Every structure is written in structure tokens, then in C-alpha cells.
Amino acid sequence: MENKITQKKCLLISPQSFYFYSEYLSKTLASYNYDVVVSNDEYPDNTFGKIMGKLKIPLLRSITEKKILKDFVEGNTYDLVLIIKGRGISPSLLKALKQVSTQVIGYSFDSFKYFDAPLKWLKDVDKFYTFDYRDGDKHNIPIIELFSSMPENNDEKVSTYKISAIVRNHSDRLKYINDVLSNLDEKNIFVFIYEQNIITFLQNFINNPLLYIKFWKHISFKPLPYKEYIRVLNESDFTIDFAHPAQSGITIRCFEALSSQTKIITNNPFVKRNKYFTENNVIIFENNSDSTILKKKFRDIESKIPVKNNRSINNFIEDLIK
């Protein structure tokens, strides 16, 4: 008679409103024989809670601790607690979590300069990882790269667009897209700029009114359907990646481009620290860089089809829980 594999139990504490990544993580952990229970990383889990979190109001951590203790800790035990971001987490909550779990692991896909909440509790977990190279260097934290969430595509590369830009509008993204497209002057492009809400719309319009008018037909208050996003990225020669200036980690967009054999134009020089991003598939074009260099590098690799490399969410999970 075959021995039945004992299922392990995992508490995943992760932002529920950040795309669908907690769902991806849950499904992947389940494939590694984990029964996954999911909690948000801050409570109340609504707009009011998000405002409290962004304003760093201490009451948020107290509310979060009471909620997680009541709903997820009391009367439960876990083989693994995995905390992603963790804005509402406190050291006292971590102490309680460690009492009911064999292992507690934390991960941040933001830099501490942009999102510093984990600094309050990262020393209280068994292991902590970051995607941000500057934070890794400064705080001696191991790096675990992000991943591509796209389904693997084994079809031959088809190029419908010379350059694509599919972004959520923030900071200087609009200006960066304009700089790249204006300098390269390519006509066969796909541009989609997602505006999250009326507040971000007003902020971004005030910051760049002329550019907003220029790109108006490309701006949408609804996100691009995921199937369309996959199609466009797969059918692009180049795609534009704009990393937030406060962050040095490699974005999911870059790993998705890598799996799509799509070359990247990015403002993030730290991508070169990953061996899979080379001069054959990445152009580093930072703010105020020499546009003649951008043009030359673009022409040098314009006709090349990069080697396909796929870092999957399974690779990511294996690195976290190995």
C-alpha cells in the first residue's frame, strides 16, 4: 500500500488587491502540496485601510494584528507562513506567528525607499528576501528575482509592433515613454497607458499637461485585458520598461519580455546584474542619457531575436521555500 503524502499548511499573508499575484502564489504553493490559507497584509481591507497604510498611521498595525490573530492564528498551526510586502505587520504579530508556524519567511517586491514597512519586522522572521539590489547591498539581504506570470509560449516569434509600451501611469513614466518614442521615431508602435483613478489622473495631468494631451488617445481608465497584454508583448520587437526611480529591482515586465523574446528598453541599469539580461536583449536608457547612444544600440540589435528564457512563478516559489 502506497504511503499517503501528508499535506502541509501555509498561511500566505499578501496584498489581495495587487493584481492577481496572491492567487498565482496560492495556486503554485498548492502544487507543492500546501493547503493555503490567505490573509491580507493589512486591515481593514478597504480604501480606508489603504489610506491608513500610506499615511503610516500606527493604528493600522494594531487593527491588522487583532484581525490576523483572531481569524488566522488562534487555534491554528502552520508549516509555513509566507509574508509578501506586509505593510500592516508588527513585531508582536510576528512573535505570535512564529509560535504557531515551523517557519516564517518574508519577501518584498518594493524598495525600502519606496516602501519601508518591512524594516520594522524583517529581523523577526526566519528568512527575509528582497528583489531590490540596492537594499540587498545595503542591508545584506539575499536577492530573489521576480518572475514571469505569462503562460509559456513556444510559438515562433512574430513581430507585429516595433515598440510597445503598456504601463500604469506614475512618476515620470509618461515623459520616459515620450523620450524613447520621440528619439527613435518609429511608426509601428503600441501604447497603452492605464490611469488608476480620478485622483491619479489629476496628479499626472498637472505634472505633464502637454504630454497628457499628446498621449490622450492612448490613456485608459480600464486596464488592458490580460489576453491582449500577452498578445502585444509576444508580438513586440521591443517593449519599454520604466522602473520607479526609488527602486533597483528587476520588474516582472522584464522577465515577461525575456520569456517572449522581446527586447527591452529600460531606465534601470541594475538589470545587467542578472546574467540573462545582456547587450543583445536590453538597452539601458536612463533619464538625461545621450539619445544618439539609444539610437545606435537600437539599430545594433533591432534585427536580433533574443534567446528565450523563462523564469516561472514555480522558480520563484522554489527559491523562497527551498
C-alpha atoms as a PDB file:
ATOM      1  CA  MET A   1       0.000   0.000   0.000  1.00  0.00           C
ATOM      2  CA  GLU A   2       1.405   3.386  -1.010  1.00  0.00           C
ATOM      3  CA  ASN A   3       2.145   5.903   1.719  1.00  0.00           C
ATOM      4  CA  LYS A   4      -0.133   8.913   1.567  1.00  0.00           C
ATOM      5  CA  ILE A   5       1.761  12.219   1.332  1.00  0.00           C
ATOM      6  CA  THR A   6       0.892  14.425   4.285  1.00  0.00           C
ATOM      7  CA  GLN A   7      -0.315  17.830   3.111  1.00  0.00           C
ATOM      8  CA  LYS A   8       1.422  20.826   4.638  1.00  0.00           C
ATOM      9  CA  LYS A   9      -0.335  24.006   5.687  1.00  0.00           C
ATOM     10  CA  CYS A  10       0.673  27.535   4.678  1.00  0.00           C
ATOM     11  CA  LEU A  11      -0.586  30.936   5.748  1.00  0.00           C
ATOM     12  CA  LEU A  12       0.005  33.362   2.882  1.00  0.00           C
ATOM     13  CA  ILE A  13      -0.110  36.991   4.043  1.00  0.00           C
ATOM     14  CA  SER A  14      -0.144  39.125   0.919  1.00  0.00           C
ATOM     15  CA  PRO A  15      -1.879  42.206  -0.570  1.00  0.00           C
ATOM     16  CA  GLN A  16      -5.142  40.976  -2.069  1.00  0.00           C
ATOM     17  CA  SER A  17      -5.661  43.969  -4.348  1.00  0.00           C
ATOM     18  CA  PHE A  18      -2.295  43.804  -6.122  1.00  0.00           C
ATOM     19  CA  TYR A  19      -3.286  42.371  -9.500  1.00  0.00           C
ATOM     20  CA  PHE A  20      -3.779  38.605  -9.062  1.00  0.00           C
ATOM     21  CA  TYR A  21      -0.419  37.698  -7.561  1.00  0.00           C
ATOM     22  CA  SER A  22      -1.750  36.275  -4.297  1.00  0.00           C
ATOM     23  CA  GLU A  23      -3.926  33.992  -6.425  1.00  0.00           C
ATOM     24  CA  TYR A  24      -0.907  32.915  -8.508  1.00  0.00           C
ATOM     25  CA  LEU A  25       1.130  32.321  -5.346  1.00  0.00           C
ATOM     26  CA  SER A  26      -1.673  30.297  -3.734  1.00  0.00           C
ATOM     27  CA  LYS A  27      -2.066  28.035  -6.770  1.00  0.00           C
ATOM     28  CA  THR A  28       1.675  27.490  -7.039  1.00  0.00           C
ATOM     29  CA  LEU A  29       2.071  26.715  -3.333  1.00  0.00           C
ATOM     30  CA  ALA A  30      -0.807  24.250  -3.672  1.00  0.00           C
ATOM     31  CA  SER A  31       1.179  22.454  -6.389  1.00  0.00           C
ATOM     32  CA  TYR A  32       3.931  21.976  -3.768  1.00  0.00           C
ATOM     33  CA  ASN A  33       1.468  20.155  -1.508  1.00  0.00           C
ATOM     34  CA  TYR A  34       0.475  23.137   0.637  1.00  0.00           C
ATOM     35  CA  ASP A  35      -3.047  23.732   1.874  1.00  0.00           C
ATOM     36  CA  VAL A  36      -3.005  27.531   1.561  1.00  0.00           C
ATOM     37  CA  VAL A  37      -4.922  29.949   3.774  1.00  0.00           C
ATOM     38  CA  VAL A  38      -4.811  33.556   2.544  1.00  0.00           C
ATOM     39  CA  SER A  39      -4.822  36.730   4.614  1.00  0.00           C
ATOM     40  CA  ASN A  40      -4.451  40.318   3.508  1.00  0.00           C
ATOM     41  CA  ASP A  41      -1.288  42.025   4.762  1.00  0.00           C
ATOM     42  CA  GLU A  42      -3.208  44.956   6.270  1.00  0.00           C
ATOM     43  CA  TYR A  43      -6.646  45.533   7.751  1.00  0.00           C
ATOM     44  CA  PRO A  44      -9.204  46.993   7.354  1.00  0.00           C
ATOM     45  CA  ASP A  45      -9.078  45.545   3.853  1.00  0.00           C
ATOM     46  CA  ASN A  46     -10.620  48.547   2.119  1.00  0.00           C
ATOM     47  CA  THR A  47      -9.835  52.041   0.838  1.00  0.00           C
ATOM     48  CA  PHE A  48      -9.731  53.414   4.389  1.00  0.00           C
ATOM     49  CA  GLY A  49      -7.137  50.806   5.336  1.00  0.00           C
ATOM     50  CA  LYS A  50      -5.019  51.652   2.301  1.00  0.00           C
ATOM     51  CA  ILE A  51      -5.087  55.335   3.209  1.00  0.00           C
ATOM     52  CA  MET A  52      -4.064  54.498   6.785  1.00  0.00           C
ATOM     53  CA  GLY A  53      -1.221  52.379   5.440  1.00  0.00           C
ATOM     54  CA  LYS A  54       0.076  55.029   3.090  1.00  0.00           C
ATOM     55  CA  LEU A  55      -0.083  57.629   5.859  1.00  0.00           C
ATOM     56  CA  LYS A  56       1.710  55.170   8.196  1.00  0.00           C
ATOM     57  CA  ILE A  57      -0.925  55.519  10.922  1.00  0.00           C
ATOM     58  CA  PRO A  58       0.132  53.174  13.799  1.00  0.00           C
ATOM     59  CA  LEU A  59      -3.478  52.131  14.424  1.00  0.00           C
ATOM     60  CA  LEU A  60      -3.320  50.097  11.200  1.00  0.00           C
ATOM     61  CA  ARG A  61      -0.827  47.644  12.707  1.00  0.00           C
ATOM     62  CA  SER A  62      -2.979  47.233  15.815  1.00  0.00           C
ATOM     63  CA  ILE A  63      -6.119  46.516  13.745  1.00  0.00           C
ATOM     64  CA  THR A  64      -4.177  44.146  11.483  1.00  0.00           C
ATOM     65  CA  GLU A  65      -2.710  42.247  14.428  1.00  0.00           C
ATOM     66  CA  LYS A  66      -6.111  41.729  16.083  1.00  0.00           C
ATOM     67  CA  LYS A  67      -7.686  40.590  12.808  1.00  0.00           C
ATOM     68  CA  ILE A  68      -4.942  38.101  11.889  1.00  0.00           C
ATOM     69  CA  LEU A  69      -4.687  36.750  15.434  1.00  0.00           C
ATOM     70  CA  LYS A  70      -8.438  36.181  15.628  1.00  0.00           C
ATOM     71  CA  ASP A  71      -9.044  34.809  12.134  1.00  0.00           C
ATOM     72  CA  PHE A  72      -5.797  33.038  11.270  1.00  0.00           C
ATOM     73  CA  VAL A  73      -3.642  32.371  14.342  1.00  0.00           C
ATOM     74  CA  GLU A  74      -5.873  31.291  17.238  1.00  0.00           C
ATOM     75  CA  GLY A  75      -6.377  27.518  17.172  1.00  0.00           C
ATOM     76  CA  ASN A  76      -4.208  27.025  14.065  1.00  0.00           C
ATOM     77  CA  THR A  77      -0.748  25.717  13.276  1.00  0.00           C
ATOM     78  CA  TYR A  78       1.234  26.078  10.054  1.00  0.00           C
ATOM     79  CA  ASP A  79       4.261  24.557   8.396  1.00  0.00           C
ATOM     80  CA  LEU A  80       4.949  27.864   6.665  1.00  0.00           C
ATOM     81  CA  VAL A  81       3.932  31.499   6.985  1.00  0.00           C
ATOM     82  CA  LEU A  82       4.845  33.490   3.884  1.00  0.00           C
ATOM     83  CA  ILE A  83       4.596  37.283   4.129  1.00  0.00           C
ATOM     84  CA  ILE A  84       4.628  39.326   0.921  1.00  0.00           C
ATOM     85  CA  LYS A  85       5.103  43.099   1.443  1.00  0.00           C
ATOM     86  CA  GLY A  86       3.467  43.113   4.904  1.00  0.00           C
ATOM     87  CA  ARG A  87       2.548  46.749   5.449  1.00  0.00           C
ATOM     88  CA  GLY A  88       0.349  46.010   8.470  1.00  0.00           C
ATOM     89  CA  ILE A  89       2.695  43.514  10.117  1.00  0.00           C
ATOM     90  CA  SER A  90       4.168  44.298  13.552  1.00  0.00           C
ATOM     91  CA  PRO A  91       6.961  42.636  15.570  1.00  0.00           C
ATOM     92  CA  SER A  92       4.428  41.467  18.187  1.00  0.00           C
ATOM     93  CA  LEU A  93       2.321  39.804  15.478  1.00  0.00           C
ATOM     94  CA  LEU A  94       5.462  38.133  14.136  1.00  0.00           C
ATOM     95  CA  LYS A  95       6.147  36.711  17.595  1.00  0.00           C
ATOM     96  CA  ALA A  96       2.676  35.144  17.649  1.00  0.00           C
ATOM     97  CA  LEU A  97       3.072  33.795  14.104  1.00  0.00           C
ATOM     98  CA  LYS A  98       6.383  32.130  14.973  1.00  0.00           C
ATOM     99  CA  GLN A  99       4.710  30.332  17.859  1.00  0.00           C
ATOM    100  CA  VAL A 100       2.257  28.610  15.516  1.00  0.00           C
ATOM    101  CA  SER A 101       4.487  28.002  12.484  1.00  0.00           C
ATOM    102  CA  THR A 102       7.583  25.946  11.757  1.00  0.00           C
ATOM    103  CA  GLN A 103       8.969  28.683   9.511  1.00  0.00           C
ATOM    104  CA  VAL A 104       8.174  32.328   8.749  1.00  0.00           C
ATOM    105  CA  ILE A 105       9.544  33.850   5.525  1.00  0.00           C
ATOM    106  CA  GLY A 106       9.227  37.450   4.308  1.00  0.00           C
ATOM    107  CA  TYR A 107       9.643  38.965   0.841  1.00  0.00           C
ATOM    108  CA  SER A 108       9.412  42.484  -0.535  1.00  0.00           C
ATOM    109  CA  PHE A 109       8.964  43.410  -4.199  1.00  0.00           C
ATOM    110  CA  ASP A 110       9.389  47.106  -3.368  1.00  0.00           C
ATOM    111  CA  SER A 111      12.464  49.004  -2.257  1.00  0.00           C
ATOM    112  CA  PHE A 112      12.684  50.273   1.307  1.00  0.00           C
ATOM    113  CA  LYS A 113      12.994  53.793  -0.063  1.00  0.00           C
ATOM    114  CA  TYR A 114       9.591  53.410  -1.674  1.00  0.00           C
ATOM    115  CA  PHE A 115       8.001  51.039   0.878  1.00  0.00           C
ATOM    116  CA  ASP A 116       9.774  50.768   4.245  1.00  0.00           C
ATOM    117  CA  ALA A 117       7.239  48.736   6.283  1.00  0.00           C
ATOM    118  CA  PRO A 118       9.361  45.512   6.345  1.00  0.00           C
ATOM    119  CA  LEU A 119      12.186  47.350   8.107  1.00  0.00           C
ATOM    120  CA  LYS A 120      10.031  47.176  11.264  1.00  0.00           C
ATOM    121  CA  TRP A 121       9.861  43.376  11.253  1.00  0.00           C
ATOM    122  CA  LEU A 122      12.311  41.761   8.818  1.00  0.00           C
ATOM    123  CA  LYS A 123      14.712  40.741  11.627  1.00  0.00           C
ATOM    124  CA  ASP A 124      11.886  38.849  13.354  1.00  0.00           C
ATOM    125  CA  VAL A 125      11.330  36.329  10.534  1.00  0.00           C
ATOM    126  CA  ASP A 126      13.372  33.199   9.880  1.00  0.00           C
ATOM    127  CA  LYS A 127      14.318  34.351   6.391  1.00  0.00           C
ATOM    128  CA  PHE A 128      13.802  37.601   4.503  1.00  0.00           C
ATOM    129  CA  TYR A 129      14.432  38.285   0.825  1.00  0.00           C
ATOM    130  CA  THR A 130      14.132  41.299  -1.454  1.00  0.00           C
ATOM    131  CA  PHE A 131      14.071  41.961  -5.180  1.00  0.00           C
ATOM    132  CA  ASP A 132      15.861  45.307  -4.801  1.00  0.00           C
ATOM    133  CA  TYR A 133      19.605  45.293  -5.467  1.00  0.00           C
ATOM    134  CA  ARG A 134      20.425  48.487  -3.573  1.00  0.00           C
ATOM    135  CA  ASP A 135      18.566  47.241  -0.493  1.00  0.00           C
ATOM    136  CA  GLY A 136      20.258  43.862  -0.790  1.00  0.00           C
ATOM    137  CA  ASP A 137      23.690  45.506  -0.865  1.00  0.00           C
ATOM    138  CA  LYS A 138      22.978  47.988   1.928  1.00  0.00           C
ATOM    139  CA  HIS A 139      21.250  45.617   4.367  1.00  0.00           C
ATOM    140  CA  ASN A 140      22.991  42.357   3.394  1.00  0.00           C
ATOM    141  CA  ILE A 141      19.700  40.771   2.301  1.00  0.00           C
ATOM    142  CA  PRO A 142      19.628  37.933  -0.264  1.00  0.00           C
ATOM    143  CA  ILE A 143      18.061  38.699  -3.644  1.00  0.00           C
ATOM    144  CA  ILE A 144      15.283  36.585  -5.084  1.00  0.00           C
ATOM    145  CA  GLU A 145      14.255  37.715  -8.531  1.00  0.00           C
ATOM    146  CA  LEU A 146      10.642  38.133  -9.579  1.00  0.00           C
ATOM    147  CA  PHE A 147       9.123  36.055 -12.362  1.00  0.00           C
ATOM    148  CA  SER A 148       7.011  35.981 -15.489  1.00  0.00           C
ATOM    149  CA  SER A 149       3.324  35.379 -14.828  1.00  0.00           C
ATOM    150  CA  MET A 150       2.623  34.802 -18.521  1.00  0.00           C
ATOM    151  CA  PRO A 151       1.859  31.327 -19.873  1.00  0.00           C
ATOM    152  CA  GLU A 152       4.846  29.838 -21.646  1.00  0.00           C
ATOM    153  CA  ASN A 153       4.719  30.424 -25.393  1.00  0.00           C
ATOM    154  CA  ASN A 154       6.592  28.027 -27.670  1.00  0.00           C
ATOM    155  CA  ASP A 155       5.407  29.572 -30.941  1.00  0.00           C
ATOM    156  CA  GLU A 156       7.864  31.123 -33.363  1.00  0.00           C
ATOM    157  CA  LYS A 157       8.467  34.817 -32.700  1.00  0.00           C
ATOM    158  CA  VAL A 158       6.097  37.071 -34.643  1.00  0.00           C
ATOM    159  CA  SER A 159       6.710  40.840 -34.719  1.00  0.00           C
ATOM    160  CA  THR A 160       3.637  42.996 -35.192  1.00  0.00           C
ATOM    161  CA  TYR A 161       4.951  46.075 -33.340  1.00  0.00           C
ATOM    162  CA  LYS A 162       8.393  47.606 -33.379  1.00  0.00           C
ATOM    163  CA  ILE A 163       7.942  49.100 -29.890  1.00  0.00           C
ATOM    164  CA  SER A 164       5.251  48.591 -27.246  1.00  0.00           C
ATOM    165  CA  ALA A 165       4.607  50.470 -24.027  1.00  0.00           C
ATOM    166  CA  ILE A 166       1.995  49.052 -21.664  1.00  0.00           C
ATOM    167  CA  VAL A 167       2.176  50.840 -18.332  1.00  0.00           C
ATOM    168  CA  ARG A 168       0.314  52.131 -15.318  1.00  0.00           C
ATOM    169  CA  ASN A 169       0.871  55.889 -15.204  1.00  0.00           C
ATOM    170  CA  HIS A 170       3.043  57.157 -12.337  1.00  0.00           C
ATOM    171  CA  SER A 171       6.097  59.334 -11.597  1.00  0.00           C
ATOM    172  CA  ASP A 172       7.876  60.179 -14.895  1.00  0.00           C
ATOM    173  CA  ARG A 173       6.664  57.238 -16.955  1.00  0.00           C
ATOM    174  CA  LEU A 174       4.858  59.424 -19.493  1.00  0.00           C
ATOM    175  CA  LYS A 175       7.942  61.562 -20.019  1.00  0.00           C
ATOM    176  CA  TYR A 176      10.143  58.487 -20.373  1.00  0.00           C
ATOM    177  CA  ILE A 177       7.861  56.905 -22.976  1.00  0.00           C
ATOM    178  CA  ASN A 178       7.808  60.177 -24.875  1.00  0.00           C
ATOM    179  CA  ASP A 179      11.614  60.480 -24.782  1.00  0.00           C
ATOM    180  CA  VAL A 180      12.083  56.960 -26.124  1.00  0.00           C
ATOM    181  CA  LEU A 181       9.459  57.189 -28.858  1.00  0.00           C
ATOM    182  CA  SER A 182      10.439  60.704 -29.930  1.00  0.00           C
ATOM    183  CA  ASN A 183      14.095  59.798 -30.288  1.00  0.00           C
ATOM    184  CA  LEU A 184      13.519  56.539 -32.148  1.00  0.00           C
ATOM    185  CA  ASP A 185      10.670  57.922 -34.280  1.00  0.00           C
ATOM    186  CA  GLU A 186       9.169  54.518 -35.066  1.00  0.00           C
ATOM    187  CA  LYS A 187       5.650  54.490 -36.521  1.00  0.00           C
ATOM    188  CA  ASN A 188       4.704  50.875 -35.846  1.00  0.00           C
ATOM    189  CA  ILE A 189       4.035  51.132 -32.105  1.00  0.00           C
ATOM    190  CA  PHE A 190       1.519  50.058 -29.474  1.00  0.00           C
ATOM    191  CA  VAL A 191       0.981  52.358 -26.493  1.00  0.00           C
ATOM    192  CA  PHE A 192      -1.422  51.717 -23.621  1.00  0.00           C
ATOM    193  CA  ILE A 193      -1.336  53.921 -20.518  1.00  0.00           C
ATOM    194  CA  TYR A 194      -3.541  52.856 -17.626  1.00  0.00           C
ATOM    195  CA  GLU A 195      -4.784  55.586 -15.291  1.00  0.00           C
ATOM    196  CA  GLN A 196      -5.860  54.060 -11.989  1.00  0.00           C
ATOM    197  CA  ASN A 197      -8.476  56.585 -10.838  1.00  0.00           C
ATOM    198  CA  ILE A 198      -9.530  60.229 -10.955  1.00  0.00           C
ATOM    199  CA  ILE A 199      -7.013  61.200  -8.255  1.00  0.00           C
ATOM    200  CA  THR A 200      -4.041  59.790 -10.149  1.00  0.00           C
ATOM    201  CA  PHE A 201      -5.451  61.327 -13.320  1.00  0.00           C
ATOM    202  CA  LEU A 202      -5.435  64.806 -11.776  1.00  0.00           C
ATOM    203  CA  GLN A 203      -1.940  64.351 -10.334  1.00  0.00           C
ATOM    204  CA  ASN A 204      -0.474  63.098 -13.604  1.00  0.00           C
ATOM    205  CA  PHE A 205      -2.265  65.700 -15.712  1.00  0.00           C
ATOM    206  CA  ILE A 206      -0.980  68.539 -13.529  1.00  0.00           C
ATOM    207  CA  ASN A 207       2.562  67.122 -13.724  1.00  0.00           C
ATOM    208  CA  ASN A 208       2.579  66.784 -17.528  1.00  0.00           C
ATOM    209  CA  PRO A 209      -0.409  68.539 -19.158  1.00  0.00           C
ATOM    210  CA  LEU A 210       1.150  68.793 -22.629  1.00  0.00           C
ATOM    211  CA  LEU A 211       2.238  65.160 -22.673  1.00  0.00           C
ATOM    212  CA  TYR A 212      -1.144  64.118 -21.345  1.00  0.00           C
ATOM    213  CA  ILE A 213      -2.812  65.844 -24.280  1.00  0.00           C
ATOM    214  CA  LYS A 214      -0.307  64.282 -26.696  1.00  0.00           C
ATOM    215  CA  PHE A 215      -0.976  60.741 -25.431  1.00  0.00           C
ATOM    216  CA  TRP A 216      -4.661  61.218 -24.665  1.00  0.00           C
ATOM    217  CA  LYS A 217      -5.889  58.594 -27.141  1.00  0.00           C
ATOM    218  CA  HIS A 218      -3.614  56.018 -25.511  1.00  0.00           C
ATOM    219  CA  ILE A 219      -4.835  56.629 -21.942  1.00  0.00           C
ATOM    220  CA  SER A 220      -7.489  54.407 -20.382  1.00  0.00           C
ATOM    221  CA  PHE A 221      -9.217  54.150 -17.008  1.00  0.00           C
ATOM    222  CA  LYS A 222      -9.668  50.414 -17.595  1.00  0.00           C
ATOM    223  CA  PRO A 223      -6.689  48.031 -17.605  1.00  0.00           C
ATOM    224  CA  LEU A 224      -5.750  46.293 -20.815  1.00  0.00           C
ATOM    225  CA  PRO A 225      -7.339  42.808 -20.912  1.00  0.00           C
ATOM    226  CA  TYR A 226      -4.718  40.270 -19.909  1.00  0.00           C
ATOM    227  CA  LYS A 227      -5.025  38.219 -23.119  1.00  0.00           C
ATOM    228  CA  GLU A 228      -4.398  41.372 -25.133  1.00  0.00           C
ATOM    229  CA  TYR A 229      -1.406  42.248 -22.959  1.00  0.00           C
ATOM    230  CA  ILE A 230       0.073  38.786 -23.606  1.00  0.00           C
ATOM    231  CA  ARG A 231      -0.518  39.098 -27.346  1.00  0.00           C
ATOM    232  CA  VAL A 232       1.053  42.554 -27.624  1.00  0.00           C
ATOM    233  CA  LEU A 233       4.125  41.677 -25.565  1.00  0.00           C
ATOM    234  CA  ASN A 234       4.664  38.461 -27.520  1.00  0.00           C
ATOM    235  CA  GLU A 235       4.349  40.366 -30.806  1.00  0.00           C
ATOM    236  CA  SER A 236       6.678  43.262 -29.923  1.00  0.00           C
ATOM    237  CA  ASP A 237      10.280  43.653 -31.054  1.00  0.00           C
ATOM    238  CA  PHE A 238      10.963  45.988 -28.117  1.00  0.00           C
ATOM    239  CA  THR A 239       8.992  46.935 -25.036  1.00  0.00           C
ATOM    240  CA  ILE A 240       9.528  49.886 -22.722  1.00  0.00           C
ATOM    241  CA  ASP A 241      10.166  49.187 -19.043  1.00  0.00           C
ATOM    242  CA  PHE A 242      10.224  52.135 -16.644  1.00  0.00           C
ATOM    243  CA  ALA A 243      11.303  51.162 -13.133  1.00  0.00           C
ATOM    244  CA  HIS A 244      10.265  53.530 -10.353  1.00  0.00           C
ATOM    245  CA  PRO A 245      13.285  55.791  -9.657  1.00  0.00           C
ATOM    246  CA  ALA A 246      13.281  54.696  -5.991  1.00  0.00           C
ATOM    247  CA  GLN A 247      13.688  51.025  -6.945  1.00  0.00           C
ATOM    248  CA  SER A 248      16.521  48.994  -8.434  1.00  0.00           C
ATOM    249  CA  GLY A 249      14.885  45.553  -8.613  1.00  0.00           C
ATOM    250  CA  ILE A 250      14.110  43.920 -11.929  1.00  0.00           C
ATOM    251  CA  THR A 251      10.434  44.218 -12.785  1.00  0.00           C
ATOM    252  CA  ILE A 252       8.066  41.408 -13.719  1.00  0.00           C
ATOM    253  CA  ARG A 253       7.747  43.133 -17.113  1.00  0.00           C
ATOM    254  CA  CYS A 254      11.406  42.380 -17.844  1.00  0.00           C
ATOM    255  CA  PHE A 255      11.005  38.675 -17.069  1.00  0.00           C
ATOM    256  CA  GLU A 256       7.861  38.552 -19.192  1.00  0.00           C
ATOM    257  CA  ALA A 257       9.739  40.168 -22.077  1.00  0.00           C
ATOM    258  CA  LEU A 258      12.574  37.667 -21.613  1.00  0.00           C
ATOM    259  CA  SER A 259      10.120  34.785 -21.945  1.00  0.00           C
ATOM    260  CA  SER A 260       8.570  36.441 -25.030  1.00  0.00           C
ATOM    261  CA  GLN A 261      11.889  37.006 -26.879  1.00  0.00           C
ATOM    262  CA  THR A 262      11.072  40.711 -26.713  1.00  0.00           C
ATOM    263  CA  LYS A 263      13.913  43.162 -26.284  1.00  0.00           C
ATOM    264  CA  ILE A 264      13.753  45.757 -23.506  1.00  0.00           C
ATOM    265  CA  ILE A 265      14.380  49.496 -23.290  1.00  0.00           C
ATOM    266  CA  THR A 266      14.670  50.388 -19.607  1.00  0.00           C
ATOM    267  CA  ASN A 267      15.865  53.112 -17.258  1.00  0.00           C
ATOM    268  CA  ASN A 268      17.115  50.519 -14.735  1.00  0.00           C
ATOM    269  CA  PRO A 269      20.864  49.787 -15.063  1.00  0.00           C
ATOM    270  CA  PHE A 270      20.630  47.072 -12.396  1.00  0.00           C
ATOM    271  CA  VAL A 271      19.079  44.637 -14.887  1.00  0.00           C
ATOM    272  CA  LYS A 272      22.626  43.899 -16.070  1.00  0.00           C
ATOM    273  CA  ARG A 273      23.335  42.245 -12.720  1.00  0.00           C
ATOM    274  CA  ASN A 274      21.188  39.338 -13.854  1.00  0.00           C
ATOM    275  CA  LYS A 275      23.111  37.150 -16.300  1.00  0.00           C
ATOM    276  CA  TYR A 276      20.098  36.662 -18.591  1.00  0.00           C
ATOM    277  CA  PHE A 277      19.851  40.361 -19.441  1.00  0.00           C
ATOM    278  CA  THR A 278      22.622  41.270 -21.871  1.00  0.00           C
ATOM    279  CA  GLU A 279      23.507  43.770 -24.574  1.00  0.00           C
ATOM    280  CA  ASN A 280      21.623  41.517 -27.008  1.00  0.00           C
ATOM    281  CA  ASN A 281      18.235  41.940 -25.324  1.00  0.00           C
ATOM    282  CA  VAL A 282      18.421  45.120 -23.202  1.00  0.00           C
ATOM    283  CA  ILE A 283      19.069  48.799 -23.883  1.00  0.00           C
ATOM    284  CA  ILE A 284      19.749  50.934 -20.823  1.00  0.00           C
ATOM    285  CA  PHE A 285      18.416  54.429 -21.436  1.00  0.00           C
ATOM    286  CA  GLU A 286      18.361  56.480 -18.262  1.00  0.00           C
ATOM    287  CA  ASN A 287      16.957  59.954 -17.778  1.00  0.00           C
ATOM    288  CA  ASN A 288      19.140  62.546 -19.500  1.00  0.00           C
ATOM    289  CA  SER A 289      21.098  59.834 -21.335  1.00  0.00           C
ATOM    290  CA  ASP A 290      22.598  60.592 -24.736  1.00  0.00           C
ATOM    291  CA  SER A 291      19.879  59.923 -27.308  1.00  0.00           C
ATOM    292  CA  THR A 292      22.458  59.112 -30.005  1.00  0.00           C
ATOM    293  CA  ILE A 293      23.553  56.108 -27.936  1.00  0.00           C
ATOM    294  CA  LEU A 294      19.931  54.964 -27.671  1.00  0.00           C
ATOM    295  CA  LYS A 295      19.560  55.165 -31.446  1.00  0.00           C
ATOM    296  CA  LYS A 296      22.804  53.298 -32.084  1.00  0.00           C
ATOM    297  CA  LYS A 297      22.044  50.497 -29.624  1.00  0.00           C
ATOM    298  CA  PHE A 298      18.541  50.210 -31.045  1.00  0.00           C
ATOM    299  CA  ARG A 299      19.872  49.745 -34.597  1.00  0.00           C
ATOM    300  CA  ASP A 300      22.588  47.339 -33.403  1.00  0.00           C
ATOM    301  CA  ILE A 301      20.101  44.808 -32.019  1.00  0.00           C
ATOM    302  CA  GLU A 302      16.996  45.750 -33.992  1.00  0.00           C
ATOM    303  CA  SER A 303      17.083  42.623 -36.164  1.00  0.00           C
ATOM    304  CA  LYS A 304      18.163  40.196 -33.436  1.00  0.00           C
ATOM    305  CA  ILE A 305      15.736  37.771 -31.858  1.00  0.00           C
ATOM    306  CA  PRO A 306      16.846  37.149 -28.271  1.00  0.00           C
ATOM    307  CA  VAL A 307      17.221  33.733 -26.707  1.00  0.00           C
ATOM    308  CA  LYS A 308      14.060  32.693 -24.861  1.00  0.00           C
ATOM    309  CA  ASN A 309      14.434  32.310 -21.107  1.00  0.00           C
ATOM    310  CA  ASN A 310      11.522  31.694 -18.793  1.00  0.00           C
ATOM    311  CA  ARG A 311      11.706  32.312 -15.051  1.00  0.00           C
ATOM    312  CA  SER A 312       8.377  30.979 -13.851  1.00  0.00           C
ATOM    313  CA  ILE A 313       6.465  31.512 -10.632  1.00  0.00           C
ATOM    314  CA  ASN A 314       7.496  27.932  -9.750  1.00  0.00           C
ATOM    315  CA  ASN A 315      11.143  29.038  -9.876  1.00  0.00           C
ATOM    316  CA  PHE A 316      10.247  31.961  -7.628  1.00  0.00           C
ATOM    317  CA  ILE A 317       8.434  29.797  -5.055  1.00  0.00           C
ATOM    318  CA  GLU A 318      11.227  27.211  -5.053  1.00  0.00           C
ATOM    319  CA  ASP A 319      13.759  29.953  -4.284  1.00  0.00           C
ATOM    320  CA  LEU A 320      11.580  31.206  -1.403  1.00  0.00           C
ATOM    321  CA  ILE A 321      10.845  27.877   0.292  1.00  0.00           C
ATOM    322  CA  LYS A 322      13.884  25.782  -0.646  1.00  0.00           C
END
